[in-house]
Protein backbone atom coordinates (compact mmCIF):
# COMPACT_ATOMS: atom_id res chain seq x y z
CA UNK A 1 55.54 -42.18 25.13
CA UNK A 2 52.03 -43.51 24.80
CA UNK A 3 50.30 -43.87 21.47
CA UNK A 4 47.85 -41.12 22.52
CA UNK A 5 50.68 -38.70 23.35
CA UNK A 6 52.53 -39.52 20.13
CA UNK A 7 49.45 -39.03 17.95
CA UNK A 8 48.55 -35.83 19.76
CA UNK A 9 52.03 -34.41 19.22
CA UNK A 10 51.97 -35.43 15.56
CA UNK A 11 48.63 -33.74 15.03
CA UNK A 12 49.88 -30.58 16.69
CA UNK A 13 52.88 -30.50 14.38
CA UNK A 14 50.57 -30.92 11.39
CA UNK A 15 48.46 -27.98 12.55
CA UNK A 16 51.54 -25.81 13.08
CA UNK A 17 52.80 -26.68 9.63
CA UNK A 18 49.37 -25.91 8.10
CA UNK A 19 49.21 -22.57 9.87
CA UNK A 20 52.76 -21.71 8.77
CA UNK A 21 52.00 -22.59 5.16
CA UNK A 22 48.71 -20.68 5.26
CA UNK A 23 50.54 -17.65 6.61
CA UNK A 24 53.09 -17.89 3.82
CA UNK A 25 50.37 -18.14 1.22
CA UNK A 26 48.44 -15.28 2.76
CA UNK A 27 51.49 -13.04 2.78
CA UNK A 28 52.03 -13.66 -0.91
CA UNK A 29 48.35 -13.28 -1.94
CA UNK A 30 46.75 -10.02 -2.96
CA UNK A 31 43.97 -8.55 -0.84
CA UNK A 32 41.56 -9.30 -3.68
CA UNK A 33 42.28 -13.02 -3.57
CA UNK A 34 41.92 -13.14 0.20
CA UNK A 35 38.60 -11.32 -0.03
CA UNK A 36 37.25 -14.08 -2.26
CA UNK A 37 38.11 -16.97 0.07
CA UNK A 38 35.00 -16.67 2.27
CA UNK A 39 32.65 -15.36 -0.39
CA UNK A 40 29.45 -17.33 -0.89
CA UNK A 41 29.10 -17.21 -4.66
CA UNK A 42 25.60 -18.73 -4.49
CA UNK A 43 24.36 -15.92 -2.21
CA UNK A 44 26.06 -12.67 -3.19
CA UNK A 45 25.65 -9.63 -0.91
CA UNK A 46 23.03 -7.05 -1.82
CA UNK A 47 25.77 -4.65 -2.88
CA UNK A 48 26.74 -7.03 -5.69
CA UNK A 49 23.21 -7.52 -7.08
CA UNK A 50 22.08 -5.51 -10.07
CA UNK A 51 19.29 -3.20 -8.92
CA UNK A 52 16.99 -4.38 -11.69
CA UNK A 53 16.55 -7.68 -9.84
CA UNK A 54 15.63 -5.83 -6.64
CA UNK A 55 12.94 -3.88 -8.50
CA UNK A 56 10.94 -7.10 -8.92
CA UNK A 57 10.66 -7.72 -5.20
CA UNK A 58 10.10 -4.02 -4.46
CA UNK A 59 7.08 -3.86 -6.77
CA UNK A 60 5.51 -7.05 -5.43
CA UNK A 61 6.07 -6.06 -1.80
CA UNK A 62 4.58 -2.61 -2.43
CA UNK A 63 1.37 -4.31 -3.50
CA UNK A 64 1.35 -7.29 -1.13
CA UNK A 65 2.80 -5.78 2.06
CA UNK A 66 1.22 -2.38 1.48
CA UNK A 67 -1.76 -1.44 -0.64
CA UNK A 68 -3.21 -4.98 -0.74
CA UNK A 69 -2.39 -6.11 2.79
CA UNK A 70 -4.01 -6.21 6.23
CA UNK A 71 -3.98 -2.43 6.16
CA UNK A 72 -6.59 -2.61 3.40
CA UNK A 73 -8.49 -5.58 4.88
CA UNK A 74 -9.07 -3.87 8.22
CA UNK A 75 -9.60 -0.39 6.79
CA UNK A 76 -12.25 -1.78 4.44
CA UNK A 77 -14.36 -2.54 7.52
CA UNK A 78 -13.82 0.98 8.90
CA UNK A 79 -14.88 2.51 5.56
CA UNK A 80 -17.76 -0.01 5.37
CA UNK A 81 -16.72 -1.14 1.91
CA UNK A 82 -16.59 -4.73 3.19
CA UNK A 83 -18.11 -6.49 6.19
CA UNK A 84 -15.89 -8.21 8.77
CA UNK A 85 -17.15 -11.68 9.60
CA UNK A 86 -15.82 -15.10 10.63
CA UNK A 87 -15.95 -14.70 14.42
CA UNK A 88 -12.30 -13.65 14.72
CA UNK A 89 -10.05 -10.68 13.87
CA UNK A 90 -12.25 -9.14 11.18
CA UNK A 91 -15.30 -9.61 13.40
CA UNK A 92 -13.55 -7.67 16.16
CA UNK A 93 -12.80 -4.88 13.71
CA UNK A 94 -16.39 -4.87 12.47
CA UNK A 95 -17.65 -4.57 16.06
CA UNK A 96 -14.98 -1.92 16.75
CA UNK A 97 -13.39 -3.81 19.63
CA UNK A 98 -10.33 -1.91 20.79
CA UNK A 99 -8.48 -5.12 21.58
CA UNK A 100 -8.16 -5.47 17.81
CA UNK A 101 -8.37 -1.98 16.35
CA UNK A 102 -5.87 -0.45 18.80
CA UNK A 103 -3.45 -3.35 19.25
CA UNK A 104 0.16 -2.84 18.20
CA UNK A 105 0.22 -6.45 16.98
CA UNK A 106 -2.58 -5.93 14.43
CA UNK A 107 -0.41 -4.41 11.68
CA UNK A 108 2.99 -5.62 12.88
CA UNK A 109 3.63 -7.85 9.86
CA UNK A 110 2.78 -5.05 7.45
CA UNK A 111 4.80 -2.50 9.42
CA UNK A 112 7.86 -4.75 9.27
CA UNK A 113 7.19 -5.71 5.67
CA UNK A 114 7.04 -2.13 4.43
CA UNK A 115 10.18 -1.05 6.28
CA UNK A 116 11.96 -4.14 4.95
CA UNK A 117 10.81 -3.22 1.47
CA UNK A 118 12.02 0.34 1.96
CA UNK A 119 15.48 -0.92 2.88
CA UNK A 120 15.52 -2.76 -0.45
CA UNK A 121 14.30 0.37 -2.25
CA UNK A 122 16.97 2.47 -0.52
CA UNK A 123 19.62 0.14 -1.94
CA UNK A 124 18.08 0.45 -5.41
CA UNK A 125 18.30 4.24 -5.30
CA UNK A 126 21.84 4.24 -3.87
CA UNK A 127 23.09 1.99 -6.66
CA UNK A 128 22.00 4.50 -9.29
CA UNK A 129 24.26 7.21 -7.84
CA UNK A 130 27.48 8.10 -9.63
CA UNK A 131 29.97 5.28 -9.14
CA UNK A 132 27.27 2.84 -8.06
CA UNK A 133 26.59 -0.53 -9.63
CA UNK A 134 23.75 1.04 -11.64
CA UNK A 135 25.23 4.51 -11.79
CA UNK A 136 23.54 6.82 -14.25
CA UNK A 137 20.58 4.55 -14.94
CA UNK A 138 17.86 7.18 -14.69
CA UNK A 139 15.00 4.76 -15.25
CA UNK A 140 15.90 2.64 -12.22
CA UNK A 141 16.55 5.77 -10.15
CA UNK A 142 13.08 7.08 -11.00
CA UNK A 143 11.41 3.73 -10.34
CA UNK A 144 13.12 3.55 -6.95
CA UNK A 145 11.96 7.02 -5.99
CA UNK A 146 8.35 6.32 -7.00
CA UNK A 147 8.34 3.12 -4.94
CA UNK A 148 9.90 4.96 -1.99
CA UNK A 149 7.10 7.53 -2.08
CA UNK A 150 4.34 4.91 -2.45
CA UNK A 151 5.53 2.96 0.59
CA UNK A 152 6.20 5.91 2.87
CA UNK A 153 2.99 7.64 1.77
CA UNK A 154 1.00 4.64 2.96
CA UNK A 155 2.84 4.46 6.27
CA UNK A 156 2.45 8.10 7.16
CA UNK A 157 -1.12 8.37 5.83
CA UNK A 158 -2.37 5.71 8.23
CA UNK A 159 0.01 6.21 11.19
CA UNK A 160 0.84 9.94 11.15
CA UNK A 161 4.32 10.69 12.53
CA UNK A 162 6.60 7.73 11.81
CA UNK A 163 10.32 6.89 11.73
CA UNK A 164 11.60 8.39 8.47
CA UNK A 165 14.90 10.26 8.32
CA UNK A 166 16.64 7.73 10.62
CA UNK A 167 14.41 4.74 9.91
CA UNK A 168 16.77 2.72 7.72
CA UNK A 169 19.98 3.60 9.55
CA UNK A 170 19.20 3.23 13.27
CA UNK A 171 17.75 0.55 15.52
CA UNK A 172 15.88 3.21 17.52
CA UNK A 173 15.05 5.95 15.01
CA UNK A 174 13.23 9.12 15.97
CA UNK A 175 9.75 9.89 14.68
CA UNK A 176 9.52 12.56 12.00
CA UNK A 177 6.56 14.92 11.74
CA UNK A 178 4.08 14.03 9.00
CA UNK A 179 4.36 17.57 7.69
CA UNK A 180 8.09 17.13 7.13
CA UNK A 181 7.67 13.66 5.67
CA UNK A 182 5.16 14.91 3.11
CA UNK A 183 7.51 17.77 2.17
CA UNK A 184 10.28 15.26 1.47
CA UNK A 185 7.94 12.96 -0.44
CA UNK A 186 7.02 15.88 -2.70
CA UNK A 187 10.71 16.54 -3.32
CA UNK A 188 11.33 12.89 -4.10
CA UNK A 189 8.42 12.53 -6.49
CA UNK A 190 9.70 15.58 -8.37
CA UNK A 191 13.11 13.90 -8.57
CA UNK A 192 11.42 10.75 -9.86
CA UNK A 193 9.59 12.73 -12.55
CA UNK A 194 12.82 14.38 -13.70
CA UNK A 195 14.72 11.08 -13.79
CA UNK A 196 11.96 9.20 -15.61
CA UNK A 197 11.52 11.98 -18.17
CA UNK A 198 15.24 11.87 -18.91
CA UNK A 199 15.10 8.08 -19.17
CA UNK A 200 12.08 8.17 -21.48
CA UNK A 201 13.71 10.80 -23.71
CA UNK A 202 16.85 8.65 -23.92
CA UNK A 203 14.90 5.45 -24.61
CA UNK A 204 16.31 3.70 -21.51
CA UNK A 205 15.05 0.34 -20.31
CA UNK A 206 17.42 -1.29 -17.84
CA UNK A 207 14.88 -3.49 -16.03
CA UNK A 208 12.88 -5.18 -18.79
CA UNK A 209 10.84 -8.14 -17.60
CA UNK A 210 12.14 -7.70 -14.05
CA UNK A 211 9.67 -4.83 -13.77
CA UNK A 212 6.33 -6.57 -13.26
CA UNK A 213 4.28 -3.39 -13.62
CA UNK A 214 5.42 -1.85 -16.89
CA UNK A 215 8.18 -4.05 -18.32
CA UNK A 216 10.71 -1.32 -17.62
CA UNK A 217 8.99 1.35 -19.74
CA UNK A 218 10.06 4.68 -18.16
CA UNK A 219 7.26 6.51 -19.96
CA UNK A 220 4.65 4.47 -18.13
CA UNK A 221 6.46 4.97 -14.83
CA UNK A 222 6.46 8.70 -15.58
CA UNK A 223 2.67 8.58 -15.84
CA UNK A 224 2.48 6.81 -12.47
CA UNK A 225 4.84 9.37 -10.91
CA UNK A 226 2.55 12.21 -11.97
CA UNK A 227 -0.47 10.26 -10.65
CA UNK A 228 1.21 9.69 -7.30
CA UNK A 229 2.04 13.39 -7.05
CA UNK A 230 -1.60 14.23 -7.81
CA UNK A 231 -2.71 11.99 -4.93
CA UNK A 232 -0.16 13.52 -2.55
CA UNK A 233 -1.55 16.93 -3.41
CA UNK A 234 -5.14 15.75 -2.99
CA UNK A 235 -4.34 14.40 0.46
CA UNK A 236 -3.02 17.85 1.41
CA UNK A 237 -6.25 19.58 0.37
CA UNK A 238 -7.29 20.37 3.95
CA UNK A 239 -3.89 21.85 4.78
CA UNK A 240 -3.36 23.75 1.53
CA UNK A 241 -6.30 25.26 -0.35
CA UNK A 242 -4.16 25.56 -3.49
CA UNK A 243 -3.46 21.83 -3.56
CA UNK A 244 -6.61 20.96 -5.51
CA UNK A 245 -5.63 23.17 -8.43
CA UNK A 246 -2.11 21.78 -8.41
CA UNK A 247 -3.49 18.23 -8.35
CA UNK A 248 -5.38 18.88 -11.60
CA UNK A 249 -2.13 19.75 -13.39
CA UNK A 250 -0.41 16.59 -12.16
CA UNK A 251 -3.36 14.34 -12.95
CA UNK A 252 -3.59 15.79 -16.45
CA UNK A 253 0.15 15.20 -16.87
CA UNK A 254 -0.42 11.57 -15.89
CA UNK A 255 -3.18 11.18 -18.47
CA UNK A 256 -1.03 12.89 -21.11
CA UNK A 257 1.72 10.39 -20.35
CA UNK A 258 -0.73 7.58 -21.13
CA UNK A 259 -1.42 6.51 -17.56
CA UNK A 260 -3.82 3.55 -17.53
CA UNK A 261 -3.34 2.50 -13.92
CA UNK A 262 -0.74 0.60 -11.91
CA UNK A 263 -1.96 -2.90 -11.15
CA UNK A 264 -0.07 -6.09 -10.49
CA UNK A 265 -1.20 -8.87 -12.80
CA UNK A 266 1.21 -11.76 -12.27
CA UNK A 267 -1.46 -14.03 -10.83
CA UNK A 268 -2.84 -17.05 -12.65
CA UNK A 269 -5.20 -18.48 -10.03
CA UNK A 270 -3.20 -21.70 -9.68
CA UNK A 271 0.42 -21.06 -8.81
CA UNK A 272 -0.05 -17.58 -7.41
CA UNK A 273 -3.09 -15.66 -6.15
CA UNK A 274 -3.57 -11.97 -5.46
CA UNK A 275 -3.50 -11.11 -1.77
CA UNK A 276 -7.24 -10.42 -1.42
CA UNK A 277 -8.23 -13.80 -2.87
CA UNK A 278 -5.59 -15.61 -0.83
CA UNK A 279 -6.86 -13.90 2.33
CA UNK A 280 -10.47 -14.72 1.50
CA UNK A 281 -9.80 -18.37 0.76
CA UNK A 282 -7.67 -18.90 3.88
CA UNK A 283 -9.84 -16.93 6.34
CA UNK A 284 -13.34 -16.32 4.87
CA UNK A 285 -13.40 -13.05 6.85
CA UNK A 286 -14.65 -10.72 4.11
CA UNK A 287 -18.32 -10.12 3.38
CA UNK A 288 -20.36 -7.64 1.34
CA UNK A 289 -21.46 -4.59 3.33
CA UNK A 290 -25.01 -3.24 3.32
CA UNK A 291 -23.72 0.34 3.18
CA UNK A 292 -22.33 -0.28 -0.29
CA UNK A 293 -25.34 -2.36 -1.35
CA UNK A 294 -27.77 0.42 -0.44
CA UNK A 295 -25.80 2.98 -2.43
CA UNK A 296 -25.76 0.68 -5.45
CA UNK A 297 -29.46 -0.09 -5.08
CA UNK A 298 -30.46 3.57 -4.80
CA UNK A 299 -28.75 4.17 -8.14
CA UNK A 300 -29.97 1.00 -9.84
CA UNK A 301 -26.29 0.23 -10.31
CA UNK A 302 -25.59 -3.17 -11.94
CA UNK A 303 -22.26 -3.53 -10.12
CA UNK A 304 -24.23 -4.73 -7.10
CA UNK A 305 -24.77 -8.02 -8.93
CA UNK A 306 -21.08 -8.91 -8.58
CA UNK A 307 -20.45 -7.09 -5.29
CA UNK A 308 -23.06 -8.83 -3.09
CA UNK A 309 -23.35 -12.50 -4.03
CA UNK A 310 -24.65 -15.36 -1.87
CA UNK A 311 -21.45 -17.36 -2.29
CA UNK A 312 -22.25 -19.81 0.54
CA UNK A 313 -25.88 -20.49 -0.41
CA UNK A 314 -26.95 -19.26 3.02
CA UNK A 315 -29.56 -16.84 1.75
CA UNK A 316 -27.44 -13.91 2.98
CA UNK A 317 -25.75 -11.96 0.17
CA UNK A 318 -24.64 -9.08 2.41
CA UNK A 319 -24.75 -7.82 5.99
CA UNK A 320 -25.74 -4.47 7.50
CA UNK A 321 -22.67 -2.67 8.86
CA UNK A 322 -21.95 -3.66 12.46
CA UNK A 323 -24.47 -6.52 12.60
CA UNK A 324 -23.21 -8.55 15.56
CA UNK A 325 -24.83 -11.89 14.75
CA UNK A 326 -23.53 -11.96 11.18
CA UNK A 327 -20.10 -10.71 12.23
CA UNK A 328 -19.84 -13.67 14.60
CA UNK A 329 -21.03 -16.16 11.98
CA UNK A 330 -18.71 -18.23 9.83
CA UNK A 331 -19.11 -18.66 6.07
CA UNK A 332 -22.57 -17.10 6.05
CA UNK A 333 -22.28 -13.60 4.57
CA UNK A 334 -21.88 -13.41 0.81
CA UNK A 335 -18.98 -11.54 -0.73
CA UNK A 336 -17.80 -9.94 -4.00
CA UNK A 337 -17.24 -12.33 -6.88
CA UNK A 338 -13.70 -11.04 -7.50
CA UNK A 339 -12.57 -12.54 -4.19
CA UNK A 340 -12.99 -15.93 -5.85
CA UNK A 341 -10.72 -14.88 -8.71
CA UNK A 342 -7.09 -15.34 -7.71
CA UNK A 343 -6.04 -13.88 -11.05
CA UNK A 344 -7.75 -10.53 -10.43
CA UNK A 345 -5.28 -7.66 -10.62
CA UNK A 346 -4.08 -5.93 -7.46
CA UNK A 347 -4.20 -2.14 -7.60
CA UNK A 348 -1.43 0.16 -6.50
CA UNK A 349 -3.16 3.02 -8.31
CA UNK A 350 -6.19 2.49 -10.57
CA UNK A 351 -7.14 4.20 -13.80
CA UNK A 352 -10.45 5.24 -12.26
CA UNK A 353 -8.69 6.97 -9.35
CA UNK A 354 -6.81 9.42 -11.57
CA UNK A 355 -10.04 10.50 -13.24
CA UNK A 356 -11.83 10.78 -9.90
CA UNK A 357 -9.02 13.08 -8.71
CA UNK A 358 -9.56 15.22 -11.79
CA UNK A 359 -13.34 15.24 -11.31
CA UNK A 360 -13.20 16.15 -7.62
CA UNK A 361 -10.59 18.85 -8.00
CA UNK A 362 -12.37 20.43 -10.97
CA UNK A 363 -15.65 20.39 -9.08
CA UNK A 364 -13.96 22.07 -6.11
CA UNK A 365 -12.30 24.74 -8.26
CA UNK A 366 -15.27 25.59 -10.46
CA UNK A 367 -14.33 23.55 -13.52
CA UNK A 368 -16.40 21.17 -15.64
CA UNK A 369 -15.98 17.68 -14.16
CA UNK A 370 -18.39 15.84 -16.47
CA UNK A 371 -15.92 14.21 -18.88
CA UNK A 372 -13.54 13.11 -16.12
CA UNK A 373 -16.42 11.80 -14.02
CA UNK A 374 -17.68 9.76 -16.97
CA UNK A 375 -14.19 8.37 -17.60
CA UNK A 376 -13.80 7.48 -13.91
CA UNK A 377 -17.07 5.57 -13.59
CA UNK A 378 -16.53 3.83 -16.93
CA UNK A 379 -13.08 2.71 -15.80
CA UNK A 380 -14.61 1.36 -12.60
CA UNK A 381 -17.13 -0.70 -14.55
CA UNK A 382 -14.32 -2.12 -16.68
CA UNK A 383 -12.36 -2.99 -13.54
CA UNK A 384 -15.35 -4.65 -11.84
CA UNK A 385 -16.10 -6.64 -15.00
CA UNK A 386 -12.54 -7.85 -15.43
CA UNK A 387 -12.02 -8.71 -11.76
CA UNK A 388 -15.36 -10.48 -11.36
CA UNK A 389 -15.09 -12.11 -14.80
CA UNK A 390 -18.51 -10.75 -15.70
CA UNK A 391 -19.88 -8.41 -18.35
CA UNK A 392 -21.24 -5.25 -16.69
CA UNK A 393 -22.42 -2.59 -19.12
CA UNK A 394 -21.72 1.00 -18.02
CA UNK A 395 -23.03 2.97 -20.99
CA UNK A 396 -26.66 3.53 -20.04
CA UNK A 397 -25.86 3.82 -16.34
CA UNK A 398 -23.20 6.50 -16.75
CA UNK A 399 -25.50 8.54 -18.97
CA UNK A 400 -28.21 8.37 -16.32
CA UNK A 401 -25.96 10.07 -13.76
CA UNK A 402 -26.01 13.38 -15.62
CA UNK A 403 -23.90 16.37 -14.58
CA UNK A 404 -22.07 15.33 -11.42
CA UNK A 405 -22.22 17.07 -8.08
CA UNK A 406 -19.27 16.88 -5.71
CA UNK A 407 -21.31 14.52 -3.54
CA UNK A 408 -21.94 12.14 -6.44
CA UNK A 409 -18.29 12.24 -7.49
CA UNK A 410 -17.18 11.23 -3.99
CA UNK A 411 -19.91 8.58 -3.72
CA UNK A 412 -18.97 7.03 -7.04
CA UNK A 413 -15.31 7.04 -6.04
CA UNK A 414 -16.27 5.27 -2.82
CA UNK A 415 -18.13 2.60 -4.82
CA UNK A 416 -15.31 2.19 -7.33
CA UNK A 417 -12.70 1.78 -4.60
CA UNK A 418 -14.73 -0.90 -2.84
CA UNK A 419 -12.94 -3.22 -5.26
CA UNK A 420 -9.51 -3.07 -3.57
CA UNK A 421 -8.54 0.58 -2.91
CA UNK A 422 -10.01 1.13 0.52
CA UNK A 423 -6.89 2.75 1.97
CA UNK A 424 -7.35 5.82 -0.21
CA UNK A 425 -11.06 5.85 0.68
CA UNK A 426 -9.97 5.99 4.33
CA UNK A 427 -7.85 9.03 3.46
CA UNK A 428 -10.73 10.66 1.59
CA UNK A 429 -13.22 10.13 4.42
CA UNK A 430 -10.86 11.63 6.98
CA UNK A 431 -9.95 14.55 4.70
CA UNK A 432 -13.58 15.35 4.00
CA UNK A 433 -14.48 15.12 7.70
CA UNK A 434 -11.71 17.62 8.42
CA UNK A 435 -13.38 19.91 5.88
CA UNK A 436 -16.76 19.40 7.62
CA UNK A 437 -18.07 17.35 4.69
CA UNK A 438 -19.91 14.03 4.69
CA UNK A 439 -20.59 12.52 1.29
CA UNK A 440 -21.02 8.89 2.38
CA UNK A 441 -22.75 8.25 5.68
CA UNK A 442 -21.09 5.51 7.73
CA UNK A 443 -23.80 3.39 9.33
CA UNK A 444 -22.03 1.02 11.70
CA UNK A 445 -23.75 1.54 15.08
CA UNK A 446 -20.58 0.29 16.79
CA UNK A 447 -18.68 3.42 15.72
CA UNK A 448 -19.84 5.04 18.96
CA UNK A 449 -20.06 3.03 22.18
CA UNK A 450 -20.93 4.39 25.64
CA UNK A 451 -20.60 7.88 24.22
CA UNK A 452 -17.04 7.27 23.04
CA UNK A 453 -15.77 7.23 19.46
CA UNK A 454 -14.61 3.76 18.42
CA UNK A 455 -13.88 4.60 14.77
CA UNK A 456 -10.08 4.82 14.47
CA UNK A 457 -8.82 8.13 13.16
CA UNK A 458 -5.46 6.48 12.53
CA UNK A 459 -3.84 3.04 12.90
CA UNK A 460 -1.49 1.75 15.64
CA UNK A 461 2.25 1.37 15.16
CA UNK A 462 3.82 -2.06 14.69
CA UNK A 463 4.59 -4.03 17.84
CA UNK A 464 8.22 -4.67 16.91
CA UNK A 465 8.96 -0.96 17.36
CA UNK A 466 6.51 -0.37 20.20
CA UNK A 467 8.48 -2.84 22.34
CA UNK A 468 12.00 -1.97 21.14
CA UNK A 469 12.06 1.71 20.19
CA UNK A 470 11.43 4.16 23.06
CA UNK A 471 10.46 6.86 20.56
CA UNK A 472 7.65 4.78 19.09
CA UNK A 473 6.66 3.42 22.51
CA UNK A 474 6.24 6.96 23.84
CA UNK A 475 4.00 7.90 20.90
CA UNK A 476 1.93 4.74 21.32
CA UNK A 477 1.45 5.19 25.06
CA UNK A 478 1.48 2.82 28.01
CA UNK A 479 -1.01 1.20 30.36
CA UNK A 480 -4.64 2.18 29.91
CA UNK A 481 -3.60 5.02 27.60
CA UNK A 482 -1.90 2.73 25.10
CA UNK A 483 -3.49 3.39 21.73
CA UNK A 484 -6.14 5.73 23.14
CA UNK A 485 -5.00 8.60 20.91
CA UNK A 486 -6.06 6.55 17.85
CA UNK A 487 -9.67 7.52 18.54
CA UNK A 488 -9.15 11.13 19.55
CA UNK A 489 -6.31 12.58 17.44
CA UNK A 490 -6.35 13.02 13.67
CA UNK A 491 -3.11 12.74 11.74
CA UNK A 492 -1.59 16.11 10.77
CA UNK A 493 -2.93 15.90 7.19
CA UNK A 494 -6.49 15.90 8.45
CA UNK A 495 -6.33 18.42 11.26
CA UNK A 496 -4.21 16.86 14.00
CA UNK A 497 -0.76 17.73 15.29
CA UNK A 498 1.09 14.47 14.61
């Protein structure tokens, strides 16, 4: 017998003995002990994590991947609240080039990010069910439902029909109708309100510092829930003529609950920057738009001093909407001062927005909108001042506006949301157009080219689903028709069929 053969045989015997012993041990061990053998204690599964820790990521992702993401950066060019420059992606959006505005790759990161966030939020909600890890914790249940609504509202507002009922349980989910999605979102926000009211009455706080918005205070989340419901109702104004009256009740409930806005403020300008500042510093694609400047100037509005600033010393503080030469330039067009402040808060829902909802809805239903209008504009001035780190006095200006018309309410909301809430402005513009109203005139000459509309009525789906989900691919289209519907079909909310 050779040494090789001997050693090989010896090793085989050792392995047989090891396997025999392991089998004996296994047969005598409980299932619980065996389950622990391959457990990675340093990286526990999501099912073992307290939902309060998942709330932290869910809040940040809602702001970063959603309301303060590329959705907002691109839409801000479409609403003409910023100017796209830098001779790249934002320039293409500013010049309304379909290769950018209709591409499935444009919002792919945000599409994936929001659905990933929703999977996390789904787990949060499931854990609060009876028998779950956080069973009976009404505050976390309510927080989860509010975050669910905020993320899905954004997705369906900009895309229309989207994967919803099967989205987090199938690799190729069907698309649900926006009408049905909104009906479920209304049901969920009502569930959130009930859960948060119960939590507030019981004095619950199971998240504490893990909640970066409100420190786990269910009363403050209750105010946000009412505000979100008011916005959902507002968005349905074209489809339901009773929605405006209902929105007043929800907005007033938000104010009564002490709602002062929902804004992320974890940034310190050194270790962490808000998404708008990070985007500006890395790309320099965002300029001040002449459409906004003209509206400020017409009103002798001091906010223009921090909105259009010659930050590059080029002699160009702002650009007329759609100006090709300035869109193709790099680091030429000035931009708002708050984009140089990484510590500026990031809005999910501002204080000014809730008062603008009240003002608009009261104006539409024959009520007195003066007090709410004053509160809205004042809140905007406070927000501009804080974000731009400048002192902008609103008192004399607000008084000069007098009794507001519906047009002035919508114009002032447009100016207020130029700060970082352009997605809701996009909703408002489309809703008002559906109602045959134009309160702010969009001036970009590129909106129409060769007799064709180039202003997107909705945004394209994410590429990951366009290439892998036949249901999304069919809705997006193929060949020359891919994305063409973006310029011809409104979403259901604003008069379309999907």
